């Protein structure tokens, strides 16, 4: 019992074990029960499962609020809402990647699951590194804040860019270092196939593995925005990590509904830009205007939620006639970079 009460990264070990248990249970239930067999997920099922995941995340936040106080509870919810909103843009990129590699819907869910498992590890490393930097040299938080403001302004005024997946560095790396087959082999990421030059059976990457690798790289790019945003709210490792992962866990369920209607959230990016600018600015306000005092967590949560809600509602209203904003993806499944 004493071991469970010991602090690990500033939080009692049993909090971490409880969170880990929830993640494992949800993943096992999702993959082993709900999606034991590869099949397509309809929009209705996607929305119901997503609501279930969001409900679990909100209840987890309520538990943090009750056990560790309102301050950390509000910071958890703020981080969760920011990551959830940022993931909408991530969904669009994921749908482009699956389309580029011609991955059928029935295999996309399993690929997303393994992508989530990789994200749990990679986000943990990024968060641990960011917090260690801040604790070693607090002034780094001002670099994060300035970066968030710069990113927000760039997002607000920047124009849409085409996504050229064929130029992705990890795709080129895999294609140069191992054979790649152009054909899907069910839900398998690797298969034994005859080498195109030697003719010998060789471990060969399938398009599903390439899609998974590119998706993980895309998430790392998105994490460059989302991780500093949450670190600007709190440097409590438990709150930063759990709010991030809880938002991401439900992404694979929400993906199939959002992928079909992501154009309805086109104008959400302006709200997200405002959120990033606000989160970055409040660091300078708290340290220089409030004399190092604490920026009210309730105000931070209220402004964040209000901006995101306004962005969602405005987007739905603005695109109510069904018009789709233009998005492009360059390249295609026959690009020479995929040849082995």
C-alpha atoms as a PDB file:
ATOM      1  CA  UNK A   1       0.000   0.000   0.000  1.00  0.00           C
ATOM      2  CA  UNK A   2       2.874   2.351   0.706  1.00  0.00           C
ATOM      3  CA  UNK A   3       4.195   1.809  -2.825  1.00  0.00           C
ATOM      4  CA  UNK A   4       0.819   2.847  -4.279  1.00  0.00           C
ATOM      5  CA  UNK A   5       0.898   6.063  -2.264  1.00  0.00           C
ATOM      6  CA  UNK A   6       4.407   7.008  -3.333  1.00  0.00           C
ATOM      7  CA  UNK A   7       4.706   9.955  -5.693  1.00  0.00           C
ATOM      8  CA  UNK A   8       5.714   9.266  -9.268  1.00  0.00           C
ATOM      9  CA  UNK A   9       6.282  12.419 -11.328  1.00  0.00           C
ATOM     10  CA  UNK A  10       4.431  14.432  -8.715  1.00  0.00           C
ATOM     11  CA  UNK A  11       1.347  12.196  -8.536  1.00  0.00           C
ATOM     12  CA  UNK A  12       0.609   9.146  -6.330  1.00  0.00           C
ATOM     13  CA  UNK A  13       1.419   5.919  -8.172  1.00  0.00           C
ATOM     14  CA  UNK A  14      -2.119   4.589  -7.831  1.00  0.00           C
ATOM     15  CA  UNK A  15      -3.430   7.465  -9.968  1.00  0.00           C
ATOM     16  CA  UNK A  16      -1.102   6.383 -12.767  1.00  0.00           C
ATOM     17  CA  UNK A  17      -2.060   2.733 -12.346  1.00  0.00           C
ATOM     18  CA  UNK A  18      -5.757   3.618 -12.459  1.00  0.00           C
ATOM     19  CA  UNK A  19      -5.257   5.615 -15.654  1.00  0.00           C
ATOM     20  CA  UNK A  20      -3.186   2.832 -17.228  1.00  0.00           C
ATOM     21  CA  UNK A  21      -5.881   0.317 -16.284  1.00  0.00           C
ATOM     22  CA  UNK A  22      -8.556   2.448 -17.972  1.00  0.00           C
ATOM     23  CA  UNK A  23      -6.503   2.779 -21.161  1.00  0.00           C
ATOM     24  CA  UNK A  24      -5.785  -0.968 -21.338  1.00  0.00           C
ATOM     25  CA  UNK A  25      -9.403  -1.910 -20.562  1.00  0.00           C
ATOM     26  CA  UNK A  26     -10.812   0.454 -23.185  1.00  0.00           C
ATOM     27  CA  UNK A  27      -8.337  -0.704 -25.827  1.00  0.00           C
ATOM     28  CA  UNK A  28      -8.958  -4.399 -25.095  1.00  0.00           C
ATOM     29  CA  UNK A  29     -12.733  -3.931 -25.083  1.00  0.00           C
ATOM     30  CA  UNK A  30     -12.617  -1.917 -28.299  1.00  0.00           C
ATOM     31  CA  UNK A  31     -10.373  -4.267 -30.250  1.00  0.00           C
ATOM     32  CA  UNK A  32     -11.238  -7.615 -28.661  1.00  0.00           C
ATOM     33  CA  UNK A  33     -15.014  -7.222 -28.329  1.00  0.00           C
ATOM     34  CA  UNK A  34     -16.401  -4.384 -30.452  1.00  0.00           C
ATOM     35  CA  UNK A  35     -14.064  -4.811 -33.409  1.00  0.00           C
ATOM     36  CA  UNK A  36     -12.769  -8.353 -33.215  1.00  0.00           C
ATOM     37  CA  UNK A  37     -13.292  -8.724 -36.958  1.00  0.00           C
ATOM     38  CA  UNK A  38     -12.339  -6.178 -39.609  1.00  0.00           C
ATOM     39  CA  UNK A  39     -15.447  -4.351 -40.790  1.00  0.00           C
ATOM     40  CA  UNK A  40     -16.635  -0.929 -41.812  1.00  0.00           C
ATOM     41  CA  UNK A  41     -17.945   1.395 -39.110  1.00  0.00           C
ATOM     42  CA  UNK A  42     -21.024   3.450 -39.904  1.00  0.00           C
ATOM     43  CA  UNK A  43     -21.444   7.101 -38.918  1.00  0.00           C
ATOM     44  CA  UNK A  44     -24.091   6.225 -36.331  1.00  0.00           C
ATOM     45  CA  UNK A  45     -21.876   3.676 -34.594  1.00  0.00           C
ATOM     46  CA  UNK A  46     -18.949   6.090 -34.802  1.00  0.00           C
ATOM     47  CA  UNK A  47     -20.901   8.848 -33.049  1.00  0.00           C
ATOM     48  CA  UNK A  48     -22.198   6.496 -30.327  1.00  0.00           C
ATOM     49  CA  UNK A  49     -18.752   5.064 -29.608  1.00  0.00           C
ATOM     50  CA  UNK A  50     -17.237   8.547 -29.640  1.00  0.00           C
ATOM     51  CA  UNK A  51     -19.866   9.754 -27.155  1.00  0.00           C
ATOM     52  CA  UNK A  52     -18.906   6.799 -24.936  1.00  0.00           C
ATOM     53  CA  UNK A  53     -15.216   7.761 -25.033  1.00  0.00           C
ATOM     54  CA  UNK A  54     -15.964  11.426 -24.369  1.00  0.00           C
ATOM     55  CA  UNK A  55     -18.165  10.403 -21.440  1.00  0.00           C
ATOM     56  CA  UNK A  56     -15.323   8.317 -19.963  1.00  0.00           C
ATOM     57  CA  UNK A  57     -12.921  11.255 -20.401  1.00  0.00           C
ATOM     58  CA  UNK A  58     -15.328  13.677 -18.706  1.00  0.00           C
ATOM     59  CA  UNK A  59     -15.902  11.274 -15.815  1.00  0.00           C
ATOM     60  CA  UNK A  60     -12.155  10.859 -15.453  1.00  0.00           C
ATOM     61  CA  UNK A  61     -11.879  14.651 -15.220  1.00  0.00           C
ATOM     62  CA  UNK A  62     -14.578  14.698 -12.554  1.00  0.00           C
ATOM     63  CA  UNK A  63     -12.563  12.114 -10.587  1.00  0.00           C
ATOM     64  CA  UNK A  64      -9.452  14.310 -10.827  1.00  0.00           C
ATOM     65  CA  UNK A  65     -11.560  17.294  -9.721  1.00  0.00           C
ATOM     66  CA  UNK A  66     -12.846  15.361  -6.663  1.00  0.00           C
ATOM     67  CA  UNK A  67      -9.520  13.771  -5.682  1.00  0.00           C
ATOM     68  CA  UNK A  68      -7.010  16.506  -6.533  1.00  0.00           C
ATOM     69  CA  UNK A  69      -9.047  19.697  -6.420  1.00  0.00           C
ATOM     70  CA  UNK A  70     -10.887  22.089  -8.730  1.00  0.00           C
ATOM     71  CA  UNK A  71      -7.697  23.773  -9.949  1.00  0.00           C
ATOM     72  CA  UNK A  72      -6.255  20.630 -11.550  1.00  0.00           C
ATOM     73  CA  UNK A  73      -9.711  19.490 -12.603  1.00  0.00           C
ATOM     74  CA  UNK A  74     -10.264  22.651 -14.668  1.00  0.00           C
ATOM     75  CA  UNK A  75      -6.780  22.400 -16.145  1.00  0.00           C
ATOM     76  CA  UNK A  76      -7.495  18.816 -17.203  1.00  0.00           C
ATOM     77  CA  UNK A  77     -10.710  19.861 -18.955  1.00  0.00           C
ATOM     78  CA  UNK A  78      -8.982  22.806 -20.643  1.00  0.00           C
ATOM     79  CA  UNK A  79      -6.259  20.530 -22.015  1.00  0.00           C
ATOM     80  CA  UNK A  80      -8.806  17.911 -23.066  1.00  0.00           C
ATOM     81  CA  UNK A  81     -10.949  20.390 -25.022  1.00  0.00           C
ATOM     82  CA  UNK A  82      -7.917  21.887 -26.778  1.00  0.00           C
ATOM     83  CA  UNK A  83      -6.576  18.488 -27.845  1.00  0.00           C
ATOM     84  CA  UNK A  84     -10.030  17.297 -28.931  1.00  0.00           C
ATOM     85  CA  UNK A  85     -10.532  20.362 -31.105  1.00  0.00           C
ATOM     86  CA  UNK A  86      -7.054  20.134 -32.627  1.00  0.00           C
ATOM     87  CA  UNK A  87      -7.694  16.479 -33.479  1.00  0.00           C
ATOM     88  CA  UNK A  88     -10.437  17.500 -35.933  1.00  0.00           C
ATOM     89  CA  UNK A  89      -7.788  18.883 -38.257  1.00  0.00           C
ATOM     90  CA  UNK A  90      -5.800  15.706 -37.651  1.00  0.00           C
ATOM     91  CA  UNK A  91      -8.775  13.670 -38.879  1.00  0.00           C
ATOM     92  CA  UNK A  92      -8.683  15.435 -42.236  1.00  0.00           C
ATOM     93  CA  UNK A  93      -4.997  14.602 -42.706  1.00  0.00           C
ATOM     94  CA  UNK A  94      -5.568  10.961 -41.678  1.00  0.00           C
ATOM     95  CA  UNK A  95      -8.393  10.627 -44.214  1.00  0.00           C
ATOM     96  CA  UNK A  96      -6.084  11.983 -46.934  1.00  0.00           C
ATOM     97  CA  UNK A  97      -3.402   9.448 -45.982  1.00  0.00           C
ATOM     98  CA  UNK A  98      -5.819   6.504 -46.104  1.00  0.00           C
ATOM     99  CA  UNK A  99      -7.158   7.756 -49.424  1.00  0.00           C
ATOM    100  CA  UNK A 100      -3.653   8.113 -50.853  1.00  0.00           C
ATOM    101  CA  UNK A 101      -2.808   4.484 -50.021  1.00  0.00           C
ATOM    102  CA  UNK A 102      -6.305   3.237 -51.016  1.00  0.00           C
ATOM    103  CA  UNK A 103      -6.937   1.640 -47.598  1.00  0.00           C
ATOM    104  CA  UNK A 104     -10.491   0.208 -47.376  1.00  0.00           C
ATOM    105  CA  UNK A 105     -12.654   1.376 -44.489  1.00  0.00           C
ATOM    106  CA  UNK A 106     -12.732  -2.096 -42.915  1.00  0.00           C
ATOM    107  CA  UNK A 107      -8.962  -1.975 -42.291  1.00  0.00           C
ATOM    108  CA  UNK A 108      -8.695   1.654 -41.231  1.00  0.00           C
ATOM    109  CA  UNK A 109      -9.924   1.154 -37.669  1.00  0.00           C
ATOM    110  CA  UNK A 110      -7.264  -1.447 -36.825  1.00  0.00           C
ATOM    111  CA  UNK A 111      -4.556   0.766 -38.321  1.00  0.00           C
ATOM    112  CA  UNK A 112      -5.815   3.687 -36.230  1.00  0.00           C
ATOM    113  CA  UNK A 113      -5.674   1.532 -33.098  1.00  0.00           C
ATOM    114  CA  UNK A 114      -1.988   0.739 -33.593  1.00  0.00           C
ATOM    115  CA  UNK A 115      -1.434   4.392 -34.401  1.00  0.00           C
ATOM    116  CA  UNK A 116      -3.012   5.319 -31.049  1.00  0.00           C
ATOM    117  CA  UNK A 117      -0.725   2.865 -29.219  1.00  0.00           C
ATOM    118  CA  UNK A 118       2.304   4.499 -30.855  1.00  0.00           C
ATOM    119  CA  UNK A 119       0.947   7.943 -29.957  1.00  0.00           C
ATOM    120  CA  UNK A 120       0.604   6.960 -26.280  1.00  0.00           C
ATOM    121  CA  UNK A 121       4.332   6.273 -26.195  1.00  0.00           C
ATOM    122  CA  UNK A 122       5.514   9.150 -28.408  1.00  0.00           C
ATOM    123  CA  UNK A 123       3.354  11.782 -26.691  1.00  0.00           C
ATOM    124  CA  UNK A 124       4.631  10.569 -23.340  1.00  0.00           C
ATOM    125  CA  UNK A 125       8.216  11.105 -24.448  1.00  0.00           C
ATOM    126  CA  UNK A 126       7.455  14.573 -25.840  1.00  0.00           C
ATOM    127  CA  UNK A 127       5.574  15.633 -22.719  1.00  0.00           C
ATOM    128  CA  UNK A 128       8.267  14.308 -20.388  1.00  0.00           C
ATOM    129  CA  UNK A 129      10.932  16.131 -22.411  1.00  0.00           C
ATOM    130  CA  UNK A 130       8.985  19.404 -22.445  1.00  0.00           C
ATOM    131  CA  UNK A 131       8.322  19.348 -18.699  1.00  0.00           C
ATOM    132  CA  UNK A 132      11.949  18.460 -17.960  1.00  0.00           C
ATOM    133  CA  UNK A 133      13.095  21.439 -20.039  1.00  0.00           C
ATOM    134  CA  UNK A 134      10.740  23.815 -18.211  1.00  0.00           C
ATOM    135  CA  UNK A 135      11.798  22.547 -14.797  1.00  0.00           C
ATOM    136  CA  UNK A 136      15.452  22.906 -15.774  1.00  0.00           C
ATOM    137  CA  UNK A 137      15.031  26.385 -17.263  1.00  0.00           C
ATOM    138  CA  UNK A 138      11.668  28.063 -16.666  1.00  0.00           C
ATOM    139  CA  UNK A 139      12.289  30.699 -19.329  1.00  0.00           C
ATOM    140  CA  UNK A 140      11.663  28.016 -21.965  1.00  0.00           C
ATOM    141  CA  UNK A 141       7.961  28.395 -21.190  1.00  0.00           C
ATOM    142  CA  UNK A 142       8.169  31.843 -22.795  1.00  0.00           C
ATOM    143  CA  UNK A 143       9.515  30.252 -25.978  1.00  0.00           C
ATOM    144  CA  UNK A 144       6.550  27.870 -25.959  1.00  0.00           C
ATOM    145  CA  UNK A 145       4.178  30.785 -25.400  1.00  0.00           C
ATOM    146  CA  UNK A 146       5.709  32.820 -28.224  1.00  0.00           C
ATOM    147  CA  UNK A 147       5.553  29.762 -30.491  1.00  0.00           C
ATOM    148  CA  UNK A 148       1.848  29.299 -29.723  1.00  0.00           C
ATOM    149  CA  UNK A 149       1.121  32.946 -30.538  1.00  0.00           C
ATOM    150  CA  UNK A 150       3.116  32.707 -33.774  1.00  0.00           C
ATOM    151  CA  UNK A 151       1.355  29.442 -34.734  1.00  0.00           C
ATOM    152  CA  UNK A 152      -2.061  30.926 -33.981  1.00  0.00           C
ATOM    153  CA  UNK A 153      -1.430  34.021 -36.088  1.00  0.00           C
ATOM    154  CA  UNK A 154      -0.042  31.878 -38.918  1.00  0.00           C
ATOM    155  CA  UNK A 155      -3.063  29.569 -38.735  1.00  0.00           C
ATOM    156  CA  UNK A 156      -5.455  32.520 -38.848  1.00  0.00           C
ATOM    157  CA  UNK A 157      -3.916  34.261 -41.835  1.00  0.00           C
ATOM    158  CA  UNK A 158      -2.332  31.273 -43.596  1.00  0.00           C
ATOM    159  CA  UNK A 159      -3.785  29.840 -46.786  1.00  0.00           C
ATOM    160  CA  UNK A 160      -4.677  26.213 -47.446  1.00  0.00           C
ATOM    161  CA  UNK A 161      -1.747  24.104 -48.624  1.00  0.00           C
ATOM    162  CA  UNK A 162      -1.834  20.869 -50.571  1.00  0.00           C
ATOM    163  CA  UNK A 163      -0.667  17.757 -48.746  1.00  0.00           C
ATOM    164  CA  UNK A 164       2.033  16.047 -50.807  1.00  0.00           C
ATOM    165  CA  UNK A 165       2.211  12.675 -49.098  1.00  0.00           C
ATOM    166  CA  UNK A 166       4.657  11.245 -51.638  1.00  0.00           C
ATOM    167  CA  UNK A 167       7.349  13.604 -50.269  1.00  0.00           C
ATOM    168  CA  UNK A 168       6.943  12.361 -46.700  1.00  0.00           C
ATOM    169  CA  UNK A 169      10.445  11.515 -45.375  1.00  0.00           C
ATOM    170  CA  UNK A 170       9.399   8.360 -43.503  1.00  0.00           C
ATOM    171  CA  UNK A 171       7.742   7.044 -46.652  1.00  0.00           C
ATOM    172  CA  UNK A 172      10.938   7.589 -48.608  1.00  0.00           C
ATOM    173  CA  UNK A 173      13.000   6.000 -45.828  1.00  0.00           C
ATOM    174  CA  UNK A 174      10.920   2.808 -45.752  1.00  0.00           C
ATOM    175  CA  UNK A 175      10.853   2.578 -49.552  1.00  0.00           C
ATOM    176  CA  UNK A 176      14.648   2.862 -49.703  1.00  0.00           C
ATOM    177  CA  UNK A 177      15.421   0.343 -46.963  1.00  0.00           C
ATOM    178  CA  UNK A 178      12.934  -2.469 -47.564  1.00  0.00           C
ATOM    179  CA  UNK A 179      10.738  -3.849 -50.355  1.00  0.00           C
ATOM    180  CA  UNK A 180       7.225  -2.473 -50.611  1.00  0.00           C
ATOM    181  CA  UNK A 181       4.250  -4.225 -52.144  1.00  0.00           C
ATOM    182  CA  UNK A 182       1.530  -2.229 -53.910  1.00  0.00           C
ATOM    183  CA  UNK A 183      -1.143  -4.744 -52.901  1.00  0.00           C
ATOM    184  CA  UNK A 184      -3.011  -4.996 -49.613  1.00  0.00           C
ATOM    185  CA  UNK A 185      -2.786  -8.267 -47.708  1.00  0.00           C
ATOM    186  CA  UNK A 186      -5.781  -7.978 -45.441  1.00  0.00           C
ATOM    187  CA  UNK A 187      -4.960  -6.283 -42.134  1.00  0.00           C
ATOM    188  CA  UNK A 188      -1.287  -7.309 -42.254  1.00  0.00           C
ATOM    189  CA  UNK A 189       1.428  -4.673 -42.049  1.00  0.00           C
ATOM    190  CA  UNK A 190       4.247  -6.981 -43.161  1.00  0.00           C
ATOM    191  CA  UNK A 191       4.235 -10.024 -45.442  1.00  0.00           C
ATOM    192  CA  UNK A 192       6.730 -12.469 -46.878  1.00  0.00           C
ATOM    193  CA  UNK A 193       7.059 -11.807 -50.613  1.00  0.00           C
ATOM    194  CA  UNK A 194       9.585 -12.457 -53.348  1.00  0.00           C
ATOM    195  CA  UNK A 195      12.181  -9.704 -53.562  1.00  0.00           C
ATOM    196  CA  UNK A 196      11.842  -7.844 -56.900  1.00  0.00           C
ATOM    197  CA  UNK A 197      15.593  -8.211 -57.601  1.00  0.00           C
ATOM    198  CA  UNK A 198      16.766 -11.420 -55.905  1.00  0.00           C
ATOM    199  CA  UNK A 199      13.508 -13.368 -56.040  1.00  0.00           C
ATOM    200  CA  UNK A 200      14.059 -14.633 -52.485  1.00  0.00           C
ATOM    201  CA  UNK A 201      11.237 -14.489 -49.887  1.00  0.00           C
ATOM    202  CA  UNK A 202      11.736 -11.206 -48.061  1.00  0.00           C
ATOM    203  CA  UNK A 203       9.875  -9.320 -45.349  1.00  0.00           C
ATOM    204  CA  UNK A 204       7.892  -6.735 -47.312  1.00  0.00           C
ATOM    205  CA  UNK A 205       5.951  -3.661 -46.214  1.00  0.00           C
ATOM    206  CA  UNK A 206       2.307  -3.371 -47.238  1.00  0.00           C
ATOM    207  CA  UNK A 207       0.446  -0.112 -47.961  1.00  0.00           C
ATOM    208  CA  UNK A 208      -1.159  -0.473 -44.522  1.00  0.00           C
ATOM    209  CA  UNK A 209       2.252  -0.199 -42.834  1.00  0.00           C
ATOM    210  CA  UNK A 210       3.152   2.824 -44.952  1.00  0.00           C
ATOM    211  CA  UNK A 211      -0.131   4.508 -44.026  1.00  0.00           C
ATOM    212  CA  UNK A 212       0.463   3.774 -40.319  1.00  0.00           C
ATOM    213  CA  UNK A 213       4.000   5.205 -40.467  1.00  0.00           C
ATOM    214  CA  UNK A 214       2.892   8.393 -42.224  1.00  0.00           C
ATOM    215  CA  UNK A 215       0.000   8.843 -39.762  1.00  0.00           C
ATOM    216  CA  UNK A 216       2.418   8.610 -36.816  1.00  0.00           C
ATOM    217  CA  UNK A 217       4.676  11.229 -38.380  1.00  0.00           C
ATOM    218  CA  UNK A 218       1.630  13.453 -38.954  1.00  0.00           C
ATOM    219  CA  UNK A 219       0.705  13.111 -35.273  1.00  0.00           C
ATOM    220  CA  UNK A 220       4.197  14.178 -34.230  1.00  0.00           C
ATOM    221  CA  UNK A 221       3.732  17.316 -36.336  1.00  0.00           C
ATOM    222  CA  UNK A 222       0.397  18.026 -34.655  1.00  0.00           C
ATOM    223  CA  UNK A 223       1.945  17.381 -31.241  1.00  0.00           C
ATOM    224  CA  UNK A 224       4.315  20.291 -31.848  1.00  0.00           C
ATOM    225  CA  UNK A 225       1.240  22.524 -31.450  1.00  0.00           C
ATOM    226  CA  UNK A 226      -0.813  20.606 -28.902  1.00  0.00           C
ATOM    227  CA  UNK A 227       1.879  19.674 -26.369  1.00  0.00           C
ATOM    228  CA  UNK A 228       3.172  23.255 -25.876  1.00  0.00           C
ATOM    229  CA  UNK A 229      -0.449  24.419 -25.629  1.00  0.00           C
ATOM    230  CA  UNK A 230      -1.141  22.116 -22.684  1.00  0.00           C
ATOM    231  CA  UNK A 231       2.255  22.804 -21.092  1.00  0.00           C
ATOM    232  CA  UNK A 232       1.287  26.474 -21.155  1.00  0.00           C
ATOM    233  CA  UNK A 233      -1.739  25.546 -19.038  1.00  0.00           C
ATOM    234  CA  UNK A 234       0.033  23.340 -16.490  1.00  0.00           C
ATOM    235  CA  UNK A 235       3.306  21.471 -16.033  1.00  0.00           C
ATOM    236  CA  UNK A 236       1.682  18.789 -13.881  1.00  0.00           C
ATOM    237  CA  UNK A 237       2.819  15.669 -15.754  1.00  0.00           C
ATOM    238  CA  UNK A 238      -0.261  13.640 -14.847  1.00  0.00           C
ATOM    239  CA  UNK A 239      -2.704  16.311 -16.018  1.00  0.00           C
ATOM    240  CA  UNK A 240      -0.816  17.050 -19.233  1.00  0.00           C
ATOM    241  CA  UNK A 241      -0.478  13.402 -20.208  1.00  0.00           C
ATOM    242  CA  UNK A 242      -3.930  12.149 -19.239  1.00  0.00           C
ATOM    243  CA  UNK A 243      -5.803  15.058 -20.869  1.00  0.00           C
ATOM    244  CA  UNK A 244      -3.803  14.471 -24.051  1.00  0.00           C
ATOM    245  CA  UNK A 245      -4.294  10.710 -24.166  1.00  0.00           C
ATOM    246  CA  UNK A 246      -7.958  10.798 -23.143  1.00  0.00           C
ATOM    247  CA  UNK A 247      -8.667  13.113 -26.075  1.00  0.00           C
ATOM    248  CA  UNK A 248      -6.694  10.918 -28.481  1.00  0.00           C
ATOM    249  CA  UNK A 249      -8.201   7.601 -27.312  1.00  0.00           C
ATOM    250  CA  UNK A 250     -11.590   8.514 -28.740  1.00  0.00           C
ATOM    251  CA  UNK A 251     -10.139   9.831 -31.987  1.00  0.00           C
ATOM    252  CA  UNK A 252     -10.328   6.499 -33.800  1.00  0.00           C
ATOM    253  CA  UNK A 253     -14.046   6.223 -32.943  1.00  0.00           C
ATOM    254  CA  UNK A 254     -14.774   9.814 -33.953  1.00  0.00           C
ATOM    255  CA  UNK A 255     -12.724   9.526 -37.140  1.00  0.00           C
ATOM    256  CA  UNK A 256     -15.360   7.711 -39.224  1.00  0.00           C
ATOM    257  CA  UNK A 257     -18.014  10.330 -38.504  1.00  0.00           C
ATOM    258  CA  UNK A 258     -15.729  13.343 -38.917  1.00  0.00           C
ATOM    259  CA  UNK A 259     -14.023  12.006 -42.056  1.00  0.00           C
ATOM    260  CA  UNK A 260     -17.371  12.109 -43.828  1.00  0.00           C
ATOM    261  CA  UNK A 261     -18.198  15.645 -42.673  1.00  0.00           C
ATOM    262  CA  UNK A 262     -14.847  17.264 -41.876  1.00  0.00           C
ATOM    263  CA  UNK A 263     -15.614  20.019 -44.393  1.00  0.00           C
ATOM    264  CA  UNK A 264     -18.372  21.177 -42.002  1.00  0.00           C
ATOM    265  CA  UNK A 265     -15.643  22.244 -39.534  1.00  0.00           C
ATOM    266  CA  UNK A 266     -13.562  24.221 -42.023  1.00  0.00           C
ATOM    267  CA  UNK A 267     -13.906  27.495 -40.084  1.00  0.00           C
ATOM    268  CA  UNK A 268     -12.984  25.918 -36.752  1.00  0.00           C
ATOM    269  CA  UNK A 269      -9.341  26.669 -37.539  1.00  0.00           C
ATOM    270  CA  UNK A 270      -9.946  30.365 -36.790  1.00  0.00           C
ATOM    271  CA  UNK A 271     -11.266  29.489 -33.334  1.00  0.00           C
ATOM    272  CA  UNK A 272      -8.281  27.193 -32.756  1.00  0.00           C
ATOM    273  CA  UNK A 273      -5.971  30.008 -33.859  1.00  0.00           C
ATOM    274  CA  UNK A 274      -7.602  32.270 -31.269  1.00  0.00           C
ATOM    275  CA  UNK A 275      -7.228  29.571 -28.596  1.00  0.00           C
ATOM    276  CA  UNK A 276      -3.498  29.167 -29.296  1.00  0.00           C
ATOM    277  CA  UNK A 277      -2.960  32.935 -29.177  1.00  0.00           C
ATOM    278  CA  UNK A 278      -4.941  33.149 -25.936  1.00  0.00           C
ATOM    279  CA  UNK A 279      -3.046  30.267 -24.264  1.00  0.00           C
ATOM    280  CA  UNK A 280       0.299  31.776 -25.281  1.00  0.00           C
ATOM    281  CA  UNK A 281      -0.674  35.294 -24.217  1.00  0.00           C
ATOM    282  CA  UNK A 282      -1.928  34.261 -20.782  1.00  0.00           C
ATOM    283  CA  UNK A 283       1.586  33.033 -19.881  1.00  0.00           C
ATOM    284  CA  UNK A 284       2.947  36.555 -20.344  1.00  0.00           C
ATOM    285  CA  UNK A 285      -0.079  38.075 -18.572  1.00  0.00           C
ATOM    286  CA  UNK A 286       0.328  35.793 -15.544  1.00  0.00           C
ATOM    287  CA  UNK A 287       4.088  36.307 -15.186  1.00  0.00           C
ATOM    288  CA  UNK A 288       4.470  39.980 -16.100  1.00  0.00           C
ATOM    289  CA  UNK A 289       1.117  41.669 -15.560  1.00  0.00           C
ATOM    290  CA  UNK A 290      -0.089  39.613 -12.583  1.00  0.00           C
ATOM    291  CA  UNK A 291       3.414  39.606 -11.100  1.00  0.00           C
ATOM    292  CA  UNK A 292       3.865  35.850 -11.308  1.00  0.00           C
ATOM    293  CA  UNK A 293       0.373  35.201  -9.999  1.00  0.00           C
ATOM    294  CA  UNK A 294      -1.832  32.386 -11.264  1.00  0.00           C
ATOM    295  CA  UNK A 295      -4.094  33.009 -14.262  1.00  0.00           C
ATOM    296  CA  UNK A 296      -7.602  31.972 -13.106  1.00  0.00           C
ATOM    297  CA  UNK A 297      -8.145  28.359 -14.299  1.00  0.00           C
ATOM    298  CA  UNK A 298     -11.912  28.909 -14.502  1.00  0.00           C
ATOM    299  CA  UNK A 299     -11.395  31.866 -16.864  1.00  0.00           C
ATOM    300  CA  UNK A 300      -8.918  29.864 -18.950  1.00  0.00           C
ATOM    301  CA  UNK A 301     -11.363  26.950 -19.244  1.00  0.00           C
ATOM    302  CA  UNK A 302     -14.290  29.259 -20.001  1.00  0.00           C
ATOM    303  CA  UNK A 303     -12.484  31.188 -22.748  1.00  0.00           C
ATOM    304  CA  UNK A 304     -11.099  27.994 -24.321  1.00  0.00           C
ATOM    305  CA  UNK A 305     -14.436  26.195 -24.330  1.00  0.00           C
ATOM    306  CA  UNK A 306     -16.276  29.318 -25.515  1.00  0.00           C
ATOM    307  CA  UNK A 307     -13.944  29.896 -28.467  1.00  0.00           C
ATOM    308  CA  UNK A 308     -14.080  26.254 -29.566  1.00  0.00           C
ATOM    309  CA  UNK A 309     -17.866  26.069 -29.209  1.00  0.00           C
ATOM    310  CA  UNK A 310     -18.262  29.299 -31.175  1.00  0.00           C
ATOM    311  CA  UNK A 311     -15.961  27.960 -33.904  1.00  0.00           C
ATOM    312  CA  UNK A 312     -17.920  24.708 -34.209  1.00  0.00           C
ATOM    313  CA  UNK A 313     -21.300  26.452 -34.309  1.00  0.00           C
ATOM    314  CA  UNK A 314     -20.128  29.064 -36.822  1.00  0.00           C
ATOM    315  CA  UNK A 315     -18.645  26.355 -39.056  1.00  0.00           C
ATOM    316  CA  UNK A 316     -21.834  24.301 -39.002  1.00  0.00           C
ATOM    317  CA  UNK A 317     -23.892  27.399 -39.807  1.00  0.00           C
ATOM    318  CA  UNK A 318     -21.548  28.637 -42.527  1.00  0.00           C
ATOM    319  CA  UNK A 319     -21.459  25.263 -44.327  1.00  0.00           C
ATOM    320  CA  UNK A 320     -25.139  24.439 -43.859  1.00  0.00           C
ATOM    321  CA  UNK A 321     -25.767  24.486 -47.626  1.00  0.00           C
ATOM    322  CA  UNK A 322     -23.376  21.554 -48.089  1.00  0.00           C
ATOM    323  CA  UNK A 323     -20.661  23.453 -49.949  1.00  0.00           C
ATOM    324  CA  UNK A 324     -17.219  21.969 -49.409  1.00  0.00           C
ATOM    325  CA  UNK A 325     -14.170  24.214 -49.083  1.00  0.00           C
ATOM    326  CA  UNK A 326     -11.420  23.239 -51.502  1.00  0.00           C
ATOM    327  CA  UNK A 327      -8.772  20.806 -50.199  1.00  0.00           C
ATOM    328  CA  UNK A 328      -6.206  18.998 -52.303  1.00  0.00           C
ATOM    329  CA  UNK A 329      -3.857  16.121 -51.932  1.00  0.00           C
ATOM    330  CA  UNK A 330      -0.995  15.711 -54.361  1.00  0.00           C
ATOM    331  CA  UNK A 331       0.388  12.435 -55.540  1.00  0.00           C
ATOM    332  CA  UNK A 332      -1.398   9.091 -55.514  1.00  0.00           C
ATOM    333  CA  UNK A 333      -1.115   5.406 -54.794  1.00  0.00           C
ATOM    334  CA  UNK A 334       0.975   4.803 -57.909  1.00  0.00           C
ATOM    335  CA  UNK A 335       3.707   7.266 -56.957  1.00  0.00           C
ATOM    336  CA  UNK A 336       7.198   5.923 -57.674  1.00  0.00           C
ATOM    337  CA  UNK A 337       8.269   6.542 -54.052  1.00  0.00           C
ATOM    338  CA  UNK A 338       6.230   3.505 -53.053  1.00  0.00           C
ATOM    339  CA  UNK A 339       8.104   1.113 -55.266  1.00  0.00           C
ATOM    340  CA  UNK A 340      10.471  -1.251 -53.533  1.00  0.00           C
END
